Amino acid sequence: MSEEMIDALPHGWRRVSLGDICEIQGGGPAVRRTERIEAGVPLIRPADLRNRRIVDRSGMMCVDPRTARDLSKYRVLADDILVTRTGAVGRVALVTAQESGWLYNTHLFRVRAHEPAQAAFLLAYLSRWGAGEWLERRAAGTTGMRSITVRTLHDLPVPLPTLDQQREIGAALHAIDEKIKAHEEIIRATADLREVLSDLLMSGDLPTGSSAP
């Protein structure tokens, strides 16, 4: 984010630091392999974040419910935002009611807005290229192992319109994200259909027009 971008604000907007309007919780659990199970409380990792949402994939890491109770500090709630701390720093996802109660691992930060109505707007802002570039320039470490601190994320400047405008912006971009999700599901279903059709055609179980009586 250039200094020009930082200086320019629309009329009526104000600038705050992310940590002024959010609780930022760092360092989720580093769960040992012996603590991972096939069914239990899911543990969200950076790989589970895609297109600003958490992808509920089969094979997602889980921990025993008793272990999860001891890690309640690292549970997520609906409208929390997860931000990658290491590697490709600054990737984000919004927690929905479906993932409420899950855990997040050590490579993620949890951002919880003091005002829940700001969540969609903050997700949209954090997912912008400028915000990610601002964090990346302040990341420490070598290529592939870079990381940011809670302090860095706390200091991220956020241009803030009125709450009503935040709701409108967040809702508009959330609607686009829902369309992206719907198109992805159509693509996935069509790809599955192609595999089934291919098997039937290649095995002769589904005759083509030229071979039909």
Protein backbone atom coordinates (compact mmCIF):
# COMPACT_ATOMS: atom_id res chain seq x y z
CA MET A 1 0.00 0.00 0.00
CA SER A 2 1.61 3.23 -1.12
CA GLU A 3 1.87 6.31 1.08
CA GLU A 4 -0.49 8.02 -1.39
CA MET A 5 -3.11 5.34 -0.71
CA ILE A 6 -2.66 5.81 3.02
CA ASP A 7 -3.07 9.61 2.79
CA ALA A 8 -6.15 9.68 0.54
CA LEU A 9 -9.52 9.10 2.23
CA PRO A 10 -13.04 9.75 0.96
CA HIS A 11 -14.98 12.48 2.75
CA GLY A 12 -16.45 11.23 6.02
CA TRP A 13 -14.09 8.27 6.33
CA ARG A 14 -11.52 7.91 9.10
CA ARG A 15 -8.40 5.84 9.51
CA VAL A 16 -7.84 3.41 12.36
CA SER A 17 -5.48 0.56 13.10
CA LEU A 18 -6.96 -2.92 12.81
CA GLY A 19 -6.12 -3.59 16.45
CA ASP A 20 -8.13 -0.54 17.54
CA ILE A 21 -11.39 -2.11 16.35
CA CYS A 22 -10.61 -5.82 16.67
CA GLU A 23 -9.32 -8.38 19.13
CA ILE A 24 -6.40 -10.16 17.49
CA GLN A 25 -5.52 -13.58 18.88
CA GLY A 26 -2.30 -15.16 17.67
CA GLY A 27 -0.69 -18.56 17.74
CA GLY A 28 -3.27 -21.32 17.68
CA PRO A 29 -2.27 -24.81 18.85
CA ALA A 30 0.55 -26.75 17.26
CA VAL A 31 -1.17 -30.12 17.52
CA ARG A 32 1.11 -33.14 17.59
CA ARG A 33 0.52 -35.95 15.11
CA THR A 34 -0.40 -38.26 17.98
CA GLU A 35 -3.26 -35.88 18.88
CA ARG A 36 -4.81 -35.91 15.42
CA ILE A 37 -7.79 -38.13 14.77
CA GLU A 38 -10.11 -38.78 11.82
CA ALA A 39 -13.26 -37.47 13.52
CA GLY A 40 -13.48 -34.83 16.21
CA VAL A 41 -13.13 -31.04 16.36
CA PRO A 42 -11.72 -29.76 13.04
CA LEU A 43 -8.43 -27.85 13.14
CA ILE A 44 -8.27 -25.12 10.50
CA ARG A 45 -4.97 -24.69 8.63
CA PRO A 46 -3.87 -22.14 6.01
CA ALA A 47 -4.51 -24.74 3.29
CA ASP A 48 -8.18 -24.75 4.30
CA LEU A 49 -8.60 -21.05 3.38
CA ARG A 50 -9.72 -20.31 -0.17
CA ASN A 51 -11.65 -17.45 -1.79
CA ARG A 52 -12.22 -15.78 1.58
CA ARG A 53 -13.88 -18.81 3.12
CA ILE A 54 -12.98 -22.03 4.89
CA VAL A 55 -13.17 -25.03 2.60
CA ASP A 56 -14.71 -27.99 4.44
CA ARG A 57 -12.68 -30.76 2.86
CA SER A 58 -12.71 -34.47 3.57
CA GLY A 59 -9.56 -35.41 5.45
CA MET A 60 -9.47 -32.17 7.43
CA MET A 61 -7.33 -32.51 10.55
CA CYS A 62 -9.26 -33.04 13.78
CA VAL A 63 -8.44 -33.25 17.48
CA ASP A 64 -10.11 -35.20 20.25
CA PRO A 65 -12.98 -33.29 21.93
CA ARG A 66 -11.23 -33.58 25.32
CA THR A 67 -8.07 -32.07 23.86
CA ALA A 68 -10.18 -29.39 22.19
CA ARG A 69 -11.68 -28.38 25.54
CA ASP A 70 -8.18 -27.55 26.80
CA LEU A 71 -7.66 -25.43 23.69
CA SER A 72 -10.87 -23.40 23.99
CA LYS A 73 -8.81 -20.19 23.77
CA TYR A 74 -8.29 -21.03 20.10
CA ARG A 75 -11.90 -21.71 19.14
CA VAL A 76 -13.50 -19.62 16.41
CA LEU A 77 -16.98 -18.12 16.30
CA ALA A 78 -19.16 -16.97 13.42
CA ASP A 79 -17.93 -13.64 11.97
CA ASP A 80 -14.34 -14.20 13.13
CA ILE A 81 -11.75 -13.62 10.42
CA LEU A 82 -8.73 -15.89 10.05
CA VAL A 83 -5.50 -14.45 8.64
CA THR A 84 -2.45 -16.49 7.61
CA ARG A 85 0.58 -15.72 9.78
CA THR A 86 3.28 -17.62 7.86
CA GLY A 87 4.13 -18.48 4.26
CA ALA A 88 1.71 -16.58 2.02
CA VAL A 89 0.98 -14.06 4.76
CA GLY A 90 -2.28 -12.17 4.80
CA ARG A 91 -4.64 -14.68 3.18
CA VAL A 92 -8.04 -14.45 4.87
CA ALA A 93 -11.31 -16.30 5.43
CA LEU A 94 -14.56 -15.54 7.23
CA VAL A 95 -15.82 -18.03 9.81
CA THR A 96 -19.49 -18.94 9.36
CA ALA A 97 -21.93 -20.60 11.74
CA GLN A 98 -20.95 -23.94 10.18
CA GLU A 99 -17.37 -23.62 11.46
CA SER A 100 -18.23 -22.04 14.83
CA GLY A 101 -16.49 -23.99 17.60
CA TRP A 102 -13.66 -25.26 15.39
CA LEU A 103 -10.00 -24.62 16.26
CA TYR A 104 -7.32 -22.82 14.23
CA ASN A 105 -3.67 -23.79 14.16
CA THR A 106 -0.43 -21.97 14.93
CA HIS A 107 -0.03 -20.58 11.40
CA LEU A 108 -3.17 -18.43 11.64
CA PHE A 109 -4.36 -15.34 13.52
CA ARG A 110 -7.94 -14.88 14.68
CA VAL A 111 -9.38 -11.39 14.15
CA ARG A 112 -12.63 -10.66 16.00
CA ALA A 113 -14.28 -7.29 15.37
CA HIS A 114 -15.56 -5.47 18.45
CA GLU A 115 -18.63 -4.65 16.32
CA PRO A 116 -19.74 -7.89 14.54
CA ALA A 117 -21.49 -5.87 11.81
CA GLN A 118 -18.02 -4.82 10.59
CA ALA A 119 -16.91 -8.38 9.82
CA ALA A 120 -17.88 -8.50 6.13
CA PHE A 121 -16.34 -5.09 5.44
CA LEU A 122 -13.11 -6.00 7.23
CA LEU A 123 -12.92 -9.29 5.34
CA ALA A 124 -13.26 -7.36 2.08
CA TYR A 125 -10.59 -4.88 3.09
CA LEU A 126 -8.13 -7.50 4.35
CA SER A 127 -8.51 -9.50 1.14
CA ARG A 128 -7.53 -6.53 -1.05
CA TRP A 129 -4.14 -6.62 -2.74
CA GLY A 130 -3.03 -3.42 -0.99
CA ALA A 131 -3.58 -4.79 2.52
CA GLY A 132 -1.78 -8.03 1.68
CA GLU A 133 1.14 -6.13 0.15
CA TRP A 134 1.39 -3.90 3.25
CA LEU A 135 1.68 -7.00 5.45
CA GLU A 136 4.06 -8.77 3.08
CA ARG A 137 6.47 -5.81 3.11
CA ARG A 138 6.61 -6.04 6.89
CA ALA A 139 6.98 -9.83 7.10
CA ALA A 140 10.21 -11.24 8.48
CA GLY A 141 12.12 -14.37 7.49
CA THR A 142 13.30 -16.07 4.32
CA THR A 143 11.29 -16.81 1.19
CA GLY A 144 8.69 -19.48 1.93
CA MET A 145 9.17 -19.08 5.69
CA ARG A 146 8.10 -15.47 6.11
CA SER A 147 5.80 -14.51 8.97
CA ILE A 148 4.07 -11.54 10.54
CA THR A 149 3.51 -10.72 14.20
CA VAL A 150 0.40 -9.76 16.13
CA ARG A 151 1.86 -6.27 16.40
CA THR A 152 2.18 -5.96 12.62
CA LEU A 153 -1.41 -7.04 12.06
CA HIS A 154 -2.54 -4.75 14.88
CA ASP A 155 -0.90 -1.77 13.16
CA LEU A 156 -2.43 -2.39 9.72
CA PRO A 157 -4.16 0.90 8.73
CA VAL A 158 -7.85 0.50 7.90
CA PRO A 159 -9.85 3.22 6.07
CA LEU A 160 -13.24 3.19 7.76
CA PRO A 161 -16.51 4.61 6.39
CA THR A 162 -19.66 4.85 8.50
CA LEU A 163 -21.10 1.61 9.85
CA ASP A 164 -23.99 1.77 7.38
CA GLN A 165 -21.55 2.13 4.49
CA GLN A 166 -19.49 -0.75 5.87
CA ARG A 167 -22.59 -2.94 5.88
CA GLU A 168 -23.43 -1.98 2.28
CA ILE A 169 -19.89 -2.60 1.01
CA GLY A 170 -19.58 -5.87 2.89
CA ALA A 171 -22.98 -7.11 1.68
CA ALA A 172 -22.23 -6.26 -1.97
CA LEU A 173 -18.92 -8.11 -1.98
CA HIS A 174 -20.34 -11.02 0.03
CA ALA A 175 -22.98 -11.47 -2.68
CA ILE A 176 -20.21 -11.76 -5.28
CA ASP A 177 -18.41 -14.33 -3.10
CA GLU A 178 -21.62 -16.37 -2.93
CA LYS A 179 -21.81 -16.35 -6.74
CA ILE A 180 -18.19 -17.53 -6.92
CA LYS A 181 -19.05 -20.36 -4.53
CA ALA A 182 -22.10 -21.35 -6.58
CA HIS A 183 -20.09 -21.43 -9.82
CA GLU A 184 -17.39 -23.53 -8.16
CA GLU A 185 -20.03 -26.04 -7.06
CA ILE A 186 -21.44 -26.18 -10.61
CA ILE A 187 -17.96 -26.77 -12.01
CA ARG A 188 -17.29 -29.51 -9.44
CA ALA A 189 -20.62 -31.23 -10.12
CA THR A 190 -20.10 -31.02 -13.90
CA ALA A 191 -16.60 -32.49 -13.57
CA ASP A 192 -18.01 -35.38 -11.52
CA LEU A 193 -20.70 -35.94 -14.17
CA ARG A 194 -18.05 -36.04 -16.89
CA GLU A 195 -16.13 -38.75 -15.02
CA VAL A 196 -19.27 -40.89 -14.69
CA LEU A 197 -20.21 -40.36 -18.33
CA SER A 198 -16.68 -41.17 -19.45
CA ASP A 199 -16.70 -44.47 -17.55
CA LEU A 200 -20.08 -45.44 -19.03
CA LEU A 201 -19.11 -44.55 -22.60
CA MET A 202 -15.66 -46.14 -22.49
CA SER A 203 -17.04 -49.37 -21.01
CA GLY A 204 -19.86 -49.66 -23.55
CA ASP A 205 -22.48 -49.54 -20.82
CA LEU A 206 -23.97 -46.41 -22.42
CA PRO A 207 -24.36 -46.87 -26.19
CA THR A 208 -23.68 -43.94 -28.45
CA GLY A 209 -26.10 -42.88 -31.18
CA SER A 210 -24.15 -44.71 -33.91
CA SER A 211 -24.20 -48.04 -32.06
CA ALA A 212 -27.82 -47.90 -30.90
CA PRO A 213 -30.23 -50.37 -32.66
